[in-house]
Amino acid sequence: MEINEIKDKVKAFLIDEMEIDAAKIADDARLKEDMNIDSLEVVDIVVLVEQEFGFKMKPEDFKGLKTFDQFCRFIQTRIG
């Protein structure tokens, strides 16, 4: 799957399910600081990733990911 397709899917569920303002979502947007994703929301995002992309992600996987781009590229490496 192409990175832009992944970014579109992730952006869509962040907007629709997590109610994050679309204007805050950019490649260099920091997940915690800019997009205000807290530890409870991480659990929800992990479930959404599993539903959308078909692989199990653990909340711990999120710890090393700082930006929207890093998060999407992590997904890309997991789905091949």
PDB file of N, CA and C in Angstrom:
ATOM      1  N   MET A   1       0.850  -1.176   0.000  1.00  0.00           N
ATOM      2  CA  MET A   1       0.000   0.000   0.000  1.00  0.00           C
ATOM      3  C   MET A   1       0.896   1.240   0.000  1.00  0.00           C
ATOM      4  N   GLU A   2       0.553   2.196  -0.824  1.00  0.00           N
ATOM      5  CA  GLU A   2       1.334   3.426  -0.929  1.00  0.00           C
ATOM      6  C   GLU A   2       1.169   4.287   0.329  1.00  0.00           C
ATOM      7  N   ILE A   3       2.208   5.032   0.658  1.00  0.00           N
ATOM      8  CA  ILE A   3       2.200   5.847   1.878  1.00  0.00           C
ATOM      9  C   ILE A   3       1.070   6.880   1.855  1.00  0.00           C
ATOM     10  N   ASN A   4       0.792   7.447   0.684  1.00  0.00           N
ATOM     11  CA  ASN A   4      -0.279   8.455   0.624  1.00  0.00           C
ATOM     12  C   ASN A   4      -1.645   7.844   0.899  1.00  0.00           C
ATOM     13  N   GLU A   5      -1.859   6.603   0.469  1.00  0.00           N
ATOM     14  CA  GLU A   5      -3.110   5.909   0.744  1.00  0.00           C
ATOM     15  C   GLU A   5      -3.248   5.639   2.250  1.00  0.00           C
ATOM     16  N   ILE A   6      -2.140   5.236   2.862  1.00  0.00           N
ATOM     17  CA  ILE A   6      -2.131   5.012   4.310  1.00  0.00           C
ATOM     18  C   ILE A   6      -2.445   6.319   5.036  1.00  0.00           C
ATOM     19  N   LYS A   7      -1.788   7.400   4.630  1.00  0.00           N
ATOM     20  CA  LYS A   7      -2.010   8.699   5.279  1.00  0.00           C
ATOM     21  C   LYS A   7      -3.459   9.141   5.147  1.00  0.00           C
ATOM     22  N   ASP A   8      -4.062   8.904   3.989  1.00  0.00           N
ATOM     23  CA  ASP A   8      -5.465   9.279   3.790  1.00  0.00           C
ATOM     24  C   ASP A   8      -6.376   8.496   4.727  1.00  0.00           C
ATOM     25  N   LYS A   9      -6.123   7.187   4.864  1.00  0.00           N
ATOM     26  CA  LYS A   9      -6.955   6.351   5.742  1.00  0.00           C
ATOM     27  C   LYS A   9      -6.788   6.760   7.205  1.00  0.00           C
ATOM     28  N   VAL A  10      -5.540   6.982   7.614  1.00  0.00           N
ATOM     29  CA  VAL A  10      -5.273   7.368   9.003  1.00  0.00           C
ATOM     30  C   VAL A  10      -5.900   8.729   9.292  1.00  0.00           C
ATOM     31  N   LYS A  11      -5.713   9.661   8.377  1.00  0.00           N
ATOM     32  CA  LYS A  11      -6.285  10.991   8.553  1.00  0.00           C
ATOM     33  C   LYS A  11      -7.809  10.902   8.681  1.00  0.00           C
ATOM     34  N   ALA A  12      -8.431  10.066   7.856  1.00  0.00           N
ATOM     35  CA  ALA A  12      -9.889   9.926   7.886  1.00  0.00           C
ATOM     36  C   ALA A  12     -10.366   9.411   9.239  1.00  0.00           C
ATOM     37  N   PHE A  13      -9.700   8.368   9.789  1.00  0.00           N
ATOM     38  CA  PHE A  13     -10.198   7.878  11.078  1.00  0.00           C
ATOM     39  C   PHE A  13      -9.822   8.796  12.238  1.00  0.00           C
ATOM     40  N   LEU A  14      -8.740   9.542  12.102  1.00  0.00           N
ATOM     41  CA  LEU A  14      -8.420  10.511  13.158  1.00  0.00           C
ATOM     42  C   LEU A  14      -9.466  11.624  13.197  1.00  0.00           C
ATOM     43  N   ILE A  15      -9.927  12.032  12.033  1.00  0.00           N
ATOM     44  CA  ILE A  15     -10.945  13.085  11.955  1.00  0.00           C
ATOM     45  C   ILE A  15     -12.309  12.538  12.376  1.00  0.00           C
ATOM     46  N   ASP A  16     -12.715  11.413  11.789  1.00  0.00           N
ATOM     47  CA  ASP A  16     -14.057  10.876  12.018  1.00  0.00           C
ATOM     48  C   ASP A  16     -14.235  10.247  13.398  1.00  0.00           C
ATOM     49  N   GLU A  17     -13.301   9.414  13.789  1.00  0.00           N
ATOM     50  CA  GLU A  17     -13.450   8.657  15.039  1.00  0.00           C
ATOM     51  C   GLU A  17     -12.874   9.383  16.259  1.00  0.00           C
ATOM     52  N   MET A  18     -11.759  10.058  16.066  1.00  0.00           N
ATOM     53  CA  MET A  18     -11.087  10.699  17.198  1.00  0.00           C
ATOM     54  C   MET A  18     -11.420  12.191  17.298  1.00  0.00           C
ATOM     55  N   GLU A  19     -12.137  12.696  16.292  1.00  0.00           N
ATOM     56  CA  GLU A  19     -12.566  14.093  16.261  1.00  0.00           C
ATOM     57  C   GLU A  19     -11.408  15.087  16.356  1.00  0.00           C
ATOM     58  N   ILE A  20     -10.330  14.749  15.671  1.00  0.00           N
ATOM     59  CA  ILE A  20      -9.172  15.654  15.606  1.00  0.00           C
ATOM     60  C   ILE A  20      -9.400  16.615  14.444  1.00  0.00           C
ATOM     61  N   ASP A  21      -9.118  17.869  14.688  1.00  0.00           N
ATOM     62  CA  ASP A  21      -9.286  18.910  13.677  1.00  0.00           C
ATOM     63  C   ASP A  21      -8.367  18.619  12.488  1.00  0.00           C
ATOM     64  N   ALA A  22      -8.931  18.573  11.293  1.00  0.00           N
ATOM     65  CA  ALA A  22      -8.165  18.263  10.076  1.00  0.00           C
ATOM     66  C   ALA A  22      -6.985  19.218   9.888  1.00  0.00           C
ATOM     67  N   ALA A  23      -7.144  20.455  10.319  1.00  0.00           N
ATOM     68  CA  ALA A  23      -6.081  21.452  10.170  1.00  0.00           C
ATOM     69  C   ALA A  23      -4.843  21.105  10.998  1.00  0.00           C
ATOM     70  N   LYS A  24      -5.011  20.268  12.029  1.00  0.00           N
ATOM     71  CA  LYS A  24      -3.887  19.888  12.885  1.00  0.00           C
ATOM     72  C   LYS A  24      -3.101  18.702  12.331  1.00  0.00           C
ATOM     73  N   ILE A  25      -3.625  18.049  11.308  1.00  0.00           N
ATOM     74  CA  ILE A  25      -2.998  16.830  10.788  1.00  0.00           C
ATOM     75  C   ILE A  25      -2.106  17.175   9.597  1.00  0.00           C
ATOM     76  N   ALA A  26      -0.809  17.051   9.822  1.00  0.00           N
ATOM     77  CA  ALA A  26       0.198  17.283   8.785  1.00  0.00           C
ATOM     78  C   ALA A  26       1.337  16.311   9.040  1.00  0.00           C
ATOM     79  N   ASP A  27       2.179  16.097   8.045  1.00  0.00           N
ATOM     80  CA  ASP A  27       3.275  15.129   8.185  1.00  0.00           C
ATOM     81  C   ASP A  27       4.122  15.386   9.432  1.00  0.00           C
ATOM     82  N   ASP A  28       4.420  16.651   9.703  1.00  0.00           N
ATOM     83  CA  ASP A  28       5.302  16.975  10.826  1.00  0.00           C
ATOM     84  C   ASP A  28       4.537  17.264  12.122  1.00  0.00           C
ATOM     85  N   ALA A  29       3.216  17.067  12.107  1.00  0.00           N
ATOM     86  CA  ALA A  29       2.419  17.297  13.316  1.00  0.00           C
ATOM     87  C   ALA A  29       2.783  16.250  14.372  1.00  0.00           C
ATOM     88  N   ARG A  30       3.065  16.730  15.579  1.00  0.00           N
ATOM     89  CA  ARG A  30       3.403  15.827  16.681  1.00  0.00           C
ATOM     90  C   ARG A  30       2.116  15.257  17.263  1.00  0.00           C
ATOM     91  N   LEU A  31       2.120  13.952  17.456  1.00  0.00           N
ATOM     92  CA  LEU A  31       0.913  13.249  17.880  1.00  0.00           C
ATOM     93  C   LEU A  31       0.380  13.762  19.212  1.00  0.00           C
ATOM     94  N   LYS A  32       1.249  13.916  20.188  1.00  0.00           N
ATOM     95  CA  LYS A  32       0.809  14.344  21.515  1.00  0.00           C
ATOM     96  C   LYS A  32       0.663  15.860  21.605  1.00  0.00           C
ATOM     97  N   GLU A  33       1.705  16.569  21.222  1.00  0.00           N
ATOM     98  CA  GLU A  33       1.736  18.011  21.424  1.00  0.00           C
ATOM     99  C   GLU A  33       0.806  18.770  20.485  1.00  0.00           C
ATOM    100  N   ASP A  34       0.804  18.423  19.191  1.00  0.00           N
ATOM    101  CA  ASP A  34       0.031  19.178  18.205  1.00  0.00           C
ATOM    102  C   ASP A  34      -1.386  18.630  18.017  1.00  0.00           C
ATOM    103  N   MET A  35      -1.513  17.305  18.077  1.00  0.00           N
ATOM    104  CA  MET A  35      -2.810  16.681  17.814  1.00  0.00           C
ATOM    105  C   MET A  35      -3.540  16.300  19.107  1.00  0.00           C
ATOM    106  N   ASN A  36      -2.872  16.512  20.241  1.00  0.00           N
ATOM    107  CA  ASN A  36      -3.456  16.271  21.567  1.00  0.00           C
ATOM    108  C   ASN A  36      -3.956  14.842  21.770  1.00  0.00           C
ATOM    109  N   ILE A  37      -3.225  13.875  21.260  1.00  0.00           N
ATOM    110  CA  ILE A  37      -3.582  12.467  21.445  1.00  0.00           C
ATOM    111  C   ILE A  37      -3.032  12.025  22.799  1.00  0.00           C
ATOM    112  N   ASP A  38      -3.932  11.618  23.693  1.00  0.00           N
ATOM    113  CA  ASP A  38      -3.499  11.183  25.020  1.00  0.00           C
ATOM    114  C   ASP A  38      -3.467   9.656  25.103  1.00  0.00           C
ATOM    115  N   SER A  39      -3.060   9.143  26.252  1.00  0.00           N
ATOM    116  CA  SER A  39      -2.869   7.690  26.399  1.00  0.00           C
ATOM    117  C   SER A  39      -4.168   6.905  26.231  1.00  0.00           C
ATOM    118  N   LEU A  40      -5.290   7.459  26.618  1.00  0.00           N
ATOM    119  CA  LEU A  40      -6.574   6.771  26.428  1.00  0.00           C
ATOM    120  C   LEU A  40      -6.934   6.701  24.945  1.00  0.00           C
ATOM    121  N   GLU A  41      -6.646   7.757  24.221  1.00  0.00           N
ATOM    122  CA  GLU A  41      -6.929   7.772  22.787  1.00  0.00           C
ATOM    123  C   GLU A  41      -6.010   6.826  22.022  1.00  0.00           C
ATOM    124  N   VAL A  42      -4.809   6.617  22.530  1.00  0.00           N
ATOM    125  CA  VAL A  42      -3.885   5.673  21.892  1.00  0.00           C
ATOM    126  C   VAL A  42      -4.522   4.286  21.820  1.00  0.00           C
ATOM    127  N   VAL A  43      -5.192   3.880  22.885  1.00  0.00           N
ATOM    128  CA  VAL A  43      -5.850   2.573  22.904  1.00  0.00           C
ATOM    129  C   VAL A  43      -6.900   2.498  21.797  1.00  0.00           C
ATOM    130  N   ASP A  44      -7.687   3.545  21.634  1.00  0.00           N
ATOM    131  CA  ASP A  44      -8.695   3.585  20.573  1.00  0.00           C
ATOM    132  C   ASP A  44      -8.048   3.550  19.192  1.00  0.00           C
ATOM    133  N   ILE A  45      -6.959   4.272  19.031  1.00  0.00           N
ATOM    134  CA  ILE A  45      -6.259   4.308  17.746  1.00  0.00           C
ATOM    135  C   ILE A  45      -5.694   2.936  17.402  1.00  0.00           C
ATOM    136  N   VAL A  46      -5.162   2.235  18.403  1.00  0.00           N
ATOM    137  CA  VAL A  46      -4.642   0.884  18.190  1.00  0.00           C
ATOM    138  C   VAL A  46      -5.747  -0.026  17.630  1.00  0.00           C
ATOM    139  N   VAL A  47      -6.943   0.077  18.187  1.00  0.00           N
ATOM    140  CA  VAL A  47      -8.083  -0.719  17.709  1.00  0.00           C
ATOM    141  C   VAL A  47      -8.438  -0.319  16.276  1.00  0.00           C
ATOM    142  N   LEU A  48      -8.451   0.974  15.998  1.00  0.00           N
ATOM    143  CA  LEU A  48      -8.771   1.446  14.649  1.00  0.00           C
ATOM    144  C   LEU A  48      -7.743   0.975  13.626  1.00  0.00           C
ATOM    145  N   VAL A  49      -6.476   0.977  13.997  1.00  0.00           N
ATOM    146  CA  VAL A  49      -5.426   0.490  13.091  1.00  0.00           C
ATOM    147  C   VAL A  49      -5.659  -0.980  12.779  1.00  0.00           C
ATOM    148  N   GLU A  50      -5.977  -1.755  13.794  1.00  0.00           N
ATOM    149  CA  GLU A  50      -6.237  -3.185  13.592  1.00  0.00           C
ATOM    150  C   GLU A  50      -7.417  -3.392  12.640  1.00  0.00           C
ATOM    151  N   GLN A  51      -8.482  -2.642  12.832  1.00  0.00           N
ATOM    152  CA  GLN A  51      -9.658  -2.765  11.969  1.00  0.00           C
ATOM    153  C   GLN A  51      -9.362  -2.317  10.538  1.00  0.00           C
ATOM    154  N   GLU A  52      -8.643  -1.232  10.400  1.00  0.00           N
ATOM    155  CA  GLU A  52      -8.404  -0.624   9.089  1.00  0.00           C
ATOM    156  C   GLU A  52      -7.310  -1.324   8.288  1.00  0.00           C
ATOM    157  N   PHE A  53      -6.256  -1.785   8.983  1.00  0.00           N
ATOM    158  CA  PHE A  53      -5.087  -2.311   8.279  1.00  0.00           C
ATOM    159  C   PHE A  53      -4.834  -3.795   8.528  1.00  0.00           C
ATOM    160  N   GLY A  54      -5.558  -4.400   9.463  1.00  0.00           N
ATOM    161  CA  GLY A  54      -5.497  -5.842   9.642  1.00  0.00           C
ATOM    162  C   GLY A  54      -4.273  -6.397  10.348  1.00  0.00           C
ATOM    163  N   PHE A  55      -3.617  -5.614  11.181  1.00  0.00           N
ATOM    164  CA  PHE A  55      -2.515  -6.158  11.986  1.00  0.00           C
ATOM    165  C   PHE A  55      -2.666  -5.662  13.417  1.00  0.00           C
ATOM    166  N   LYS A  56      -2.130  -6.454  14.333  1.00  0.00           N
ATOM    167  CA  LYS A  56      -2.213  -6.093  15.753  1.00  0.00           C
ATOM    168  C   LYS A  56      -1.105  -5.110  16.090  1.00  0.00           C
ATOM    169  N   MET A  57      -1.510  -4.033  16.715  1.00  0.00           N
ATOM    170  CA  MET A  57      -0.574  -3.016  17.184  1.00  0.00           C
ATOM    171  C   MET A  57      -0.773  -2.911  18.685  1.00  0.00           C
ATOM    172  N   LYS A  58       0.320  -2.749  19.402  1.00  0.00           N
ATOM    173  CA  LYS A  58       0.229  -2.589  20.852  1.00  0.00           C
ATOM    174  C   LYS A  58       0.403  -1.112  21.208  1.00  0.00           C
ATOM    175  N   PRO A  59      -0.204  -0.674  22.294  1.00  0.00           N
ATOM    176  CA  PRO A  59      -0.001   0.721  22.705  1.00  0.00           C
ATOM    177  C   PRO A  59       1.477   1.083  22.860  1.00  0.00           C
ATOM    178  N   GLU A  60       2.299   0.102  23.255  1.00  0.00           N
ATOM    179  CA  GLU A  60       3.743   0.369  23.408  1.00  0.00           C
ATOM    180  C   GLU A  60       4.399   0.749  22.082  1.00  0.00           C
ATOM    181  N   ASP A  61       3.860   0.231  20.978  1.00  0.00           N
ATOM    182  CA  ASP A  61       4.407   0.560  19.651  1.00  0.00           C
ATOM    183  C   ASP A  61       4.326   2.054  19.384  1.00  0.00           C
ATOM    184  N   PHE A  62       3.377   2.690  20.012  1.00  0.00           N
ATOM    185  CA  PHE A  62       3.130   4.114  19.802  1.00  0.00           C
ATOM    186  C   PHE A  62       4.201   4.989  20.451  1.00  0.00           C
ATOM    187  N   LYS A  63       4.872   4.468  21.477  1.00  0.00           N
ATOM    188  CA  LYS A  63       5.800   5.283  22.272  1.00  0.00           C
ATOM    189  C   LYS A  63       6.917   5.929  21.467  1.00  0.00           C
ATOM    190  N   GLY A  64       7.496   5.212  20.525  1.00  0.00           N
ATOM    191  CA  GLY A  64       8.598   5.768  19.748  1.00  0.00           C
ATOM    192  C   GLY A  64       8.164   6.641  18.587  1.00  0.00           C
ATOM    193  N   LEU A  65       6.879   6.732  18.347  1.00  0.00           N
ATOM    194  CA  LEU A  65       6.356   7.486  17.218  1.00  0.00           C
ATOM    195  C   LEU A  65       5.999   8.893  17.669  1.00  0.00           C
ATOM    196  N   LYS A  66       6.608   9.877  17.053  1.00  0.00           N
ATOM    197  CA  LYS A  66       6.399  11.263  17.479  1.00  0.00           C
ATOM    198  C   LYS A  66       5.485  12.048  16.543  1.00  0.00           C
ATOM    199  N   THR A  67       5.572  11.782  15.232  1.00  0.00           N
ATOM    200  CA  THR A  67       4.818  12.593  14.277  1.00  0.00           C
ATOM    201  C   THR A  67       3.826  11.741  13.482  1.00  0.00           C
ATOM    202  N   PHE A  68       2.910  12.425  12.828  1.00  0.00           N
ATOM    203  CA  PHE A  68       1.930  11.768  11.966  1.00  0.00           C
ATOM    204  C   PHE A  68       2.640  10.951  10.884  1.00  0.00           C
ATOM    205  N   ASP A  69       3.674  11.520  10.283  1.00  0.00           N
ATOM    206  CA  ASP A  69       4.420  10.815   9.235  1.00  0.00           C
ATOM    207  C   ASP A  69       5.075   9.546   9.781  1.00  0.00           C
ATOM    208  N   GLN A  70       5.698   9.613  10.951  1.00  0.00           N
ATOM    209  CA  GLN A  70       6.324   8.427  11.547  1.00  0.00           C
ATOM    210  C   GLN A  70       5.285   7.345  11.824  1.00  0.00           C
ATOM    211  N   PHE A  71       4.127   7.746  12.303  1.00  0.00           N
ATOM    212  CA  PHE A  71       3.050   6.807  12.584  1.00  0.00           C
ATOM    213  C   PHE A  71       2.608   6.095  11.303  1.00  0.00           C
ATOM    214  N   CYS A  72       2.409   6.845  10.249  1.00  0.00           N
ATOM    215  CA  CYS A  72       1.976   6.261   8.964  1.00  0.00           C
ATOM    216  C   CYS A  72       3.054   5.349   8.375  1.00  0.00           C
ATOM    217  N   ARG A  73       4.306   5.737   8.495  1.00  0.00           N
ATOM    218  CA  ARG A  73       5.399   4.906   7.968  1.00  0.00           C
ATOM    219  C   ARG A  73       5.552   3.623   8.796  1.00  0.00           C
ATOM    220  N   PHE A  74       5.282   3.700  10.076  1.00  0.00           N
ATOM    221  CA  PHE A  74       5.279   2.507  10.914  1.00  0.00           C
ATOM    222  C   PHE A  74       4.219   1.528  10.397  1.00  0.00           C
ATOM    223  N   ILE A  75       3.028   2.022  10.122  1.00  0.00           N
ATOM    224  CA  ILE A  75       1.968   1.179   9.575  1.00  0.00           C
ATOM    225  C   ILE A  75       2.407   0.561   8.258  1.00  0.00           C
ATOM    226  N   GLN A  76       3.029   1.364   7.408  1.00  0.00           N
ATOM    227  CA  GLN A  76       3.488   0.866   6.102  1.00  0.00           C
ATOM    228  C   GLN A  76       4.472  -0.292   6.261  1.00  0.00           C
ATOM    229  N   THR A  77       5.383  -0.194   7.223  1.00  0.00           N
ATOM    230  CA  THR A  77       6.352  -1.278   7.420  1.00  0.00           C
ATOM    231  C   THR A  77       5.671  -2.545   7.917  1.00  0.00           C
ATOM    232  N   ARG A  78       4.601  -2.404   8.687  1.00  0.00           N
ATOM    233  CA  ARG A  78       3.903  -3.562   9.224  1.00  0.00           C
ATOM    234  C   ARG A  78       3.030  -4.276   8.190  1.00  0.00           C
ATOM    235  N   ILE A  79       2.487  -3.528   7.243  1.00  0.00           N
ATOM    236  CA  ILE A  79       1.605  -4.162   6.259  1.00  0.00           C
ATOM    237  C   ILE A  79       2.336  -4.517   4.971  1.00  0.00           C
ATOM    238  N   GLY A  80       3.599  -4.085   4.873  1.00  0.00           N
ATOM    239  CA  GLY A  80       4.407  -4.430   3.702  1.00  0.00           C
ATOM    240  C   GLY A  80       4.120  -3.574   2.566  1.00  0.00           C
TER     241      GLY A  80
END
